[in-house]
């Protein structure tokens, strides 16, 4: 039997949230998927729930994705963190690597989501 997982999608685009959720649930219909529109919303959800994986957009209002990663770490979050972003400069990839978080380039496609889910293996 497949392991049940809990995923948090942090993205200010409702379209991106829905697309990520649909692609995950298409492969794993029994997984729990929650959404947060910005960093503060994500921090509130992480304070009350445990997640196995959190996808994080970089460009969001308020705090950016890297700032959110730092705050999640300070809060003791144990989830696997993945920067899922259209900001695909080499410096962003290197920053993600230095923080020991995943880095997956948008656009959101079945292939990019398959790459995201490999971080759970």
N, C-alpha and C. Protein backbone atom coordinates (compact mmCIF):
# COMPACT_ATOMS: atom_id res chain seq x y z
N UNK A 1 0.84 -1.18 0.00
CA UNK A 1 0.00 0.00 0.00
C UNK A 1 0.88 1.25 0.00
N UNK A 2 0.53 2.22 -0.81
CA UNK A 2 1.31 3.45 -0.92
C UNK A 2 1.18 4.27 0.36
N UNK A 3 2.24 4.97 0.66
CA UNK A 3 2.26 5.81 1.86
C UNK A 3 1.44 7.07 1.63
N UNK A 4 0.61 7.42 2.61
CA UNK A 4 -0.17 8.65 2.52
C UNK A 4 0.75 9.83 2.82
N UNK A 5 0.59 10.89 2.08
CA UNK A 5 1.45 12.07 2.23
C UNK A 5 0.61 13.32 2.41
N UNK A 6 1.26 14.31 2.98
CA UNK A 6 0.64 15.60 3.20
C UNK A 6 1.51 16.66 2.53
N UNK A 7 0.91 17.44 1.63
CA UNK A 7 1.63 18.41 0.81
C UNK A 7 1.04 19.80 1.07
N UNK A 8 1.93 20.79 1.15
CA UNK A 8 1.50 22.19 1.22
C UNK A 8 2.04 22.90 -0.01
N UNK A 9 1.16 23.57 -0.73
CA UNK A 9 1.52 24.35 -1.92
C UNK A 9 1.50 25.82 -1.51
N UNK A 10 2.65 26.49 -1.65
CA UNK A 10 2.72 27.92 -1.31
C UNK A 10 2.97 28.68 -2.61
N UNK A 11 1.95 29.36 -3.08
CA UNK A 11 2.03 30.10 -4.34
C UNK A 11 0.94 31.15 -4.34
N UNK A 12 1.26 32.37 -4.74
CA UNK A 12 0.26 33.43 -4.75
C UNK A 12 -0.69 33.35 -5.93
N UNK A 13 -0.40 32.50 -6.90
CA UNK A 13 -1.27 32.31 -8.05
C UNK A 13 -2.25 31.16 -7.78
N UNK A 14 -3.53 31.49 -7.78
CA UNK A 14 -4.54 30.43 -7.58
C UNK A 14 -4.51 29.42 -8.72
N UNK A 15 -4.20 29.89 -9.92
CA UNK A 15 -4.09 28.99 -11.06
C UNK A 15 -2.97 27.97 -10.82
N UNK A 16 -1.80 28.48 -10.39
CA UNK A 16 -0.68 27.57 -10.12
C UNK A 16 -1.03 26.60 -9.00
N UNK A 17 -1.66 27.10 -7.95
CA UNK A 17 -2.08 26.22 -6.84
C UNK A 17 -2.95 25.09 -7.35
N UNK A 18 -3.96 25.44 -8.15
CA UNK A 18 -4.89 24.44 -8.65
C UNK A 18 -4.20 23.44 -9.57
N UNK A 19 -3.30 23.93 -10.41
CA UNK A 19 -2.60 23.05 -11.34
C UNK A 19 -1.70 22.06 -10.58
N UNK A 20 -0.95 22.56 -9.61
CA UNK A 20 -0.10 21.68 -8.80
C UNK A 20 -0.94 20.65 -8.07
N UNK A 21 -2.02 21.12 -7.43
CA UNK A 21 -2.90 20.20 -6.69
C UNK A 21 -3.46 19.12 -7.61
N UNK A 22 -3.96 19.52 -8.77
CA UNK A 22 -4.55 18.55 -9.69
C UNK A 22 -3.54 17.52 -10.16
N UNK A 23 -2.31 17.96 -10.45
CA UNK A 23 -1.29 17.02 -10.92
C UNK A 23 -0.86 16.05 -9.82
N UNK A 24 -0.83 16.52 -8.58
CA UNK A 24 -0.50 15.62 -7.47
C UNK A 24 -1.63 14.62 -7.25
N UNK A 25 -2.87 15.12 -7.17
CA UNK A 25 -4.00 14.24 -6.86
C UNK A 25 -4.32 13.28 -8.01
N UNK A 26 -3.92 13.65 -9.23
CA UNK A 26 -4.10 12.74 -10.36
C UNK A 26 -3.29 11.46 -10.13
N UNK A 27 -2.10 11.60 -9.58
CA UNK A 27 -1.23 10.45 -9.31
C UNK A 27 -1.48 9.83 -7.95
N UNK A 28 -1.90 10.65 -6.99
CA UNK A 28 -2.06 10.20 -5.60
C UNK A 28 -3.36 10.77 -5.02
N UNK A 29 -4.50 10.22 -5.42
CA UNK A 29 -5.79 10.80 -5.02
C UNK A 29 -6.06 10.76 -3.52
N UNK A 30 -5.33 9.93 -2.77
CA UNK A 30 -5.57 9.83 -1.33
C UNK A 30 -4.68 10.77 -0.50
N UNK A 31 -3.79 11.50 -1.16
CA UNK A 31 -2.91 12.42 -0.42
C UNK A 31 -3.68 13.67 0.00
N UNK A 32 -3.24 14.28 1.10
CA UNK A 32 -3.83 15.53 1.55
C UNK A 32 -3.03 16.69 0.95
N UNK A 33 -3.71 17.62 0.32
CA UNK A 33 -3.06 18.78 -0.27
C UNK A 33 -3.70 20.03 0.31
N UNK A 34 -2.88 20.91 0.87
CA UNK A 34 -3.35 22.21 1.35
C UNK A 34 -2.65 23.29 0.57
N UNK A 35 -3.24 24.49 0.59
CA UNK A 35 -2.67 25.60 -0.17
C UNK A 35 -2.52 26.82 0.72
N UNK A 36 -1.48 27.60 0.44
CA UNK A 36 -1.23 28.87 1.11
C UNK A 36 -0.89 29.89 0.04
N UNK A 37 -1.44 31.10 0.17
CA UNK A 37 -1.26 32.13 -0.86
C UNK A 37 0.00 32.97 -0.67
N UNK A 38 0.61 32.88 0.52
CA UNK A 38 1.81 33.68 0.79
C UNK A 38 2.52 33.10 2.02
N UNK A 39 3.67 33.66 2.32
CA UNK A 39 4.51 33.13 3.38
C UNK A 39 3.86 33.10 4.75
N UNK A 40 3.20 34.17 5.14
CA UNK A 40 2.57 34.21 6.47
C UNK A 40 1.50 33.13 6.59
N UNK A 41 0.73 32.95 5.53
CA UNK A 41 -0.30 31.91 5.50
C UNK A 41 0.35 30.52 5.65
N UNK A 42 1.47 30.32 4.97
CA UNK A 42 2.19 29.04 5.07
C UNK A 42 2.70 28.81 6.48
N UNK A 43 3.27 29.82 7.10
CA UNK A 43 3.79 29.68 8.46
C UNK A 43 2.67 29.32 9.43
N UNK A 44 1.49 29.91 9.25
CA UNK A 44 0.35 29.59 10.11
C UNK A 44 -0.07 28.13 9.93
N UNK A 45 -0.09 27.65 8.70
CA UNK A 45 -0.49 26.26 8.45
C UNK A 45 0.54 25.27 9.00
N UNK A 46 1.82 25.59 8.86
CA UNK A 46 2.88 24.71 9.34
C UNK A 46 2.87 24.66 10.88
N UNK A 47 2.42 25.73 11.51
CA UNK A 47 2.36 25.76 12.98
C UNK A 47 1.32 24.80 13.54
N UNK A 48 0.32 24.43 12.71
CA UNK A 48 -0.76 23.57 13.19
C UNK A 48 -0.82 22.21 12.52
N UNK A 49 0.00 21.98 11.49
CA UNK A 49 -0.02 20.70 10.75
C UNK A 49 1.39 20.30 10.37
N UNK A 50 1.60 19.00 10.25
CA UNK A 50 2.87 18.49 9.74
C UNK A 50 2.70 18.16 8.26
N UNK A 51 3.69 18.55 7.47
CA UNK A 51 3.67 18.26 6.04
C UNK A 51 4.90 17.44 5.68
N UNK A 52 4.75 16.57 4.69
CA UNK A 52 5.88 15.80 4.18
C UNK A 52 6.68 16.62 3.18
N UNK A 53 5.97 17.45 2.42
CA UNK A 53 6.61 18.21 1.36
C UNK A 53 5.91 19.56 1.23
N UNK A 54 6.70 20.61 0.99
CA UNK A 54 6.14 21.94 0.76
C UNK A 54 6.75 22.48 -0.52
N UNK A 55 5.89 22.82 -1.50
CA UNK A 55 6.37 23.50 -2.71
C UNK A 55 6.23 25.00 -2.46
N UNK A 56 7.26 25.74 -2.83
CA UNK A 56 7.31 27.17 -2.51
C UNK A 56 7.68 27.95 -3.76
N UNK A 57 6.81 28.88 -4.13
CA UNK A 57 7.12 29.81 -5.21
C UNK A 57 8.12 30.83 -4.68
N UNK A 58 8.95 31.39 -5.55
CA UNK A 58 9.90 32.40 -5.09
C UNK A 58 9.26 33.78 -5.03
N UNK A 59 8.62 34.19 -6.11
CA UNK A 59 8.06 35.54 -6.21
C UNK A 59 6.65 35.58 -5.63
N UNK A 60 6.55 36.09 -4.40
CA UNK A 60 5.25 36.23 -3.74
C UNK A 60 5.22 37.56 -3.00
N UNK A 61 4.03 38.10 -2.76
CA UNK A 61 3.96 39.33 -1.97
C UNK A 61 4.39 39.08 -0.53
N UNK A 62 4.92 40.12 0.11
CA UNK A 62 5.41 39.94 1.48
C UNK A 62 6.79 39.35 1.44
N UNK A 63 6.94 38.14 1.96
CA UNK A 63 8.26 37.49 1.93
C UNK A 63 8.41 36.62 0.69
N UNK A 64 9.63 36.58 0.16
CA UNK A 64 9.86 35.71 -1.00
C UNK A 64 10.08 34.27 -0.53
N UNK A 65 10.23 33.37 -1.48
CA UNK A 65 10.36 31.95 -1.16
C UNK A 65 11.56 31.61 -0.31
N UNK A 66 12.70 32.27 -0.54
CA UNK A 66 13.90 32.00 0.25
C UNK A 66 13.71 32.47 1.70
N UNK A 67 13.10 33.63 1.86
CA UNK A 67 12.81 34.13 3.22
C UNK A 67 11.88 33.16 3.95
N UNK A 68 10.90 32.62 3.22
CA UNK A 68 9.98 31.65 3.82
C UNK A 68 10.74 30.39 4.24
N UNK A 69 11.63 29.90 3.39
CA UNK A 69 12.43 28.72 3.74
C UNK A 69 13.18 28.96 5.04
N UNK A 70 13.80 30.12 5.16
CA UNK A 70 14.57 30.43 6.36
C UNK A 70 13.67 30.46 7.60
N UNK A 71 12.47 31.03 7.47
CA UNK A 71 11.53 31.08 8.60
C UNK A 71 11.00 29.69 8.95
N UNK A 72 10.76 28.87 7.94
CA UNK A 72 10.30 27.50 8.19
C UNK A 72 11.37 26.71 8.95
N UNK A 73 12.61 26.87 8.54
CA UNK A 73 13.71 26.19 9.22
C UNK A 73 13.82 26.67 10.68
N UNK A 74 13.71 27.99 10.89
CA UNK A 74 13.78 28.54 12.24
C UNK A 74 12.66 27.99 13.12
N UNK A 75 11.52 27.72 12.49
CA UNK A 75 10.36 27.19 13.22
C UNK A 75 10.47 25.68 13.44
N UNK A 76 11.54 25.06 12.93
CA UNK A 76 11.73 23.62 13.13
C UNK A 76 10.98 22.74 12.16
N UNK A 77 10.54 23.29 11.06
CA UNK A 77 9.80 22.52 10.05
C UNK A 77 10.67 21.39 9.51
N UNK A 78 10.13 20.18 9.51
CA UNK A 78 10.86 18.99 9.04
C UNK A 78 10.48 18.56 7.63
N UNK A 79 9.55 19.26 7.00
CA UNK A 79 9.11 18.89 5.65
C UNK A 79 10.24 19.06 4.64
N UNK A 80 10.15 18.30 3.56
CA UNK A 80 11.07 18.48 2.44
C UNK A 80 10.61 19.74 1.71
N UNK A 81 11.51 20.69 1.52
CA UNK A 81 11.17 21.98 0.91
C UNK A 81 11.66 22.02 -0.53
N UNK A 82 10.77 22.45 -1.43
CA UNK A 82 11.09 22.52 -2.85
C UNK A 82 10.76 23.92 -3.35
N UNK A 83 11.74 24.60 -3.90
CA UNK A 83 11.50 25.88 -4.55
C UNK A 83 11.00 25.56 -5.96
N UNK A 84 9.76 25.89 -6.24
CA UNK A 84 9.12 25.63 -7.54
C UNK A 84 8.86 27.00 -8.14
N UNK A 85 9.73 27.41 -9.07
CA UNK A 85 9.73 28.82 -9.47
C UNK A 85 10.06 29.03 -10.93
N UNK A 86 9.58 30.17 -11.43
CA UNK A 86 9.95 30.61 -12.78
C UNK A 86 11.25 31.40 -12.75
N UNK A 87 11.74 31.73 -11.55
CA UNK A 87 13.01 32.44 -11.40
C UNK A 87 14.14 31.41 -11.54
N UNK A 88 14.59 31.20 -12.77
CA UNK A 88 15.46 30.07 -13.07
C UNK A 88 16.92 30.48 -13.28
N UNK A 89 17.30 31.62 -12.75
CA UNK A 89 18.70 32.04 -12.86
C UNK A 89 19.58 31.05 -12.10
N UNK A 90 20.81 30.91 -12.57
CA UNK A 90 21.75 30.00 -11.93
C UNK A 90 21.96 30.36 -10.47
N UNK A 91 21.97 31.66 -10.15
CA UNK A 91 22.17 32.08 -8.76
C UNK A 91 21.04 31.57 -7.86
N UNK A 92 19.82 31.49 -8.39
CA UNK A 92 18.69 30.99 -7.60
C UNK A 92 18.84 29.49 -7.35
N UNK A 93 19.24 28.76 -8.37
CA UNK A 93 19.48 27.33 -8.22
C UNK A 93 20.59 27.08 -7.19
N UNK A 94 21.66 27.87 -7.26
CA UNK A 94 22.76 27.72 -6.31
C UNK A 94 22.32 28.05 -4.89
N UNK A 95 21.49 29.07 -4.75
CA UNK A 95 20.98 29.45 -3.42
C UNK A 95 20.14 28.32 -2.84
N UNK A 96 19.28 27.73 -3.66
CA UNK A 96 18.47 26.60 -3.21
C UNK A 96 19.38 25.45 -2.77
N UNK A 97 20.39 25.16 -3.57
CA UNK A 97 21.32 24.07 -3.24
C UNK A 97 22.04 24.36 -1.92
N UNK A 98 22.46 25.62 -1.72
CA UNK A 98 23.18 25.96 -0.49
C UNK A 98 22.29 25.83 0.75
N UNK A 99 20.98 25.98 0.55
CA UNK A 99 20.03 25.82 1.66
C UNK A 99 19.57 24.37 1.81
N UNK A 100 20.06 23.48 0.94
CA UNK A 100 19.68 22.08 0.94
C UNK A 100 18.17 21.89 0.73
N UNK A 101 17.66 22.64 -0.24
CA UNK A 101 16.26 22.48 -0.62
C UNK A 101 16.21 22.11 -2.10
N UNK A 102 15.10 21.52 -2.50
CA UNK A 102 14.93 21.16 -3.90
C UNK A 102 14.71 22.39 -4.75
N UNK A 103 15.00 22.26 -6.03
CA UNK A 103 14.81 23.36 -6.99
C UNK A 103 14.23 22.77 -8.26
N UNK A 104 13.00 23.20 -8.60
CA UNK A 104 12.33 22.72 -9.80
C UNK A 104 11.82 23.94 -10.56
N UNK A 105 12.10 23.94 -11.85
CA UNK A 105 11.72 25.08 -12.69
C UNK A 105 10.26 24.97 -13.13
N UNK A 106 9.56 26.11 -13.08
CA UNK A 106 8.26 26.20 -13.74
C UNK A 106 8.54 26.33 -15.23
N UNK A 107 7.63 26.04 -16.12
CA UNK A 107 6.20 25.92 -15.88
C UNK A 107 5.81 24.62 -15.18
N UNK A 108 4.62 24.65 -14.63
CA UNK A 108 4.08 23.48 -13.94
C UNK A 108 3.52 22.54 -15.00
N UNK A 109 4.16 21.39 -15.11
CA UNK A 109 3.77 20.38 -16.09
C UNK A 109 3.77 19.02 -15.39
N UNK A 110 3.23 17.99 -16.00
CA UNK A 110 3.34 16.66 -15.39
C UNK A 110 4.79 16.28 -15.13
N UNK A 111 5.70 16.69 -16.03
CA UNK A 111 7.11 16.36 -15.87
C UNK A 111 7.73 17.11 -14.68
N UNK A 112 7.44 18.41 -14.54
CA UNK A 112 8.02 19.15 -13.43
C UNK A 112 7.44 18.65 -12.09
N UNK A 113 6.18 18.26 -12.08
CA UNK A 113 5.59 17.74 -10.84
C UNK A 113 6.15 16.36 -10.52
N UNK A 114 6.45 15.56 -11.52
CA UNK A 114 7.10 14.27 -11.27
C UNK A 114 8.47 14.51 -10.63
N UNK A 115 9.16 15.54 -11.10
CA UNK A 115 10.46 15.89 -10.51
C UNK A 115 10.28 16.31 -9.05
N UNK A 116 9.26 17.12 -8.76
CA UNK A 116 8.98 17.54 -7.38
C UNK A 116 8.75 16.31 -6.50
N UNK A 117 7.95 15.38 -6.97
CA UNK A 117 7.59 14.22 -6.15
C UNK A 117 8.74 13.25 -5.92
N UNK A 118 9.78 13.35 -6.75
CA UNK A 118 10.95 12.49 -6.49
C UNK A 118 11.62 12.86 -5.17
N UNK A 119 11.41 14.06 -4.68
CA UNK A 119 12.00 14.46 -3.40
C UNK A 119 11.38 13.72 -2.21
N UNK A 120 10.28 13.03 -2.44
CA UNK A 120 9.65 12.24 -1.38
C UNK A 120 10.18 10.81 -1.35
N UNK A 121 10.96 10.43 -2.33
CA UNK A 121 11.44 9.04 -2.41
C UNK A 121 12.60 8.80 -1.47
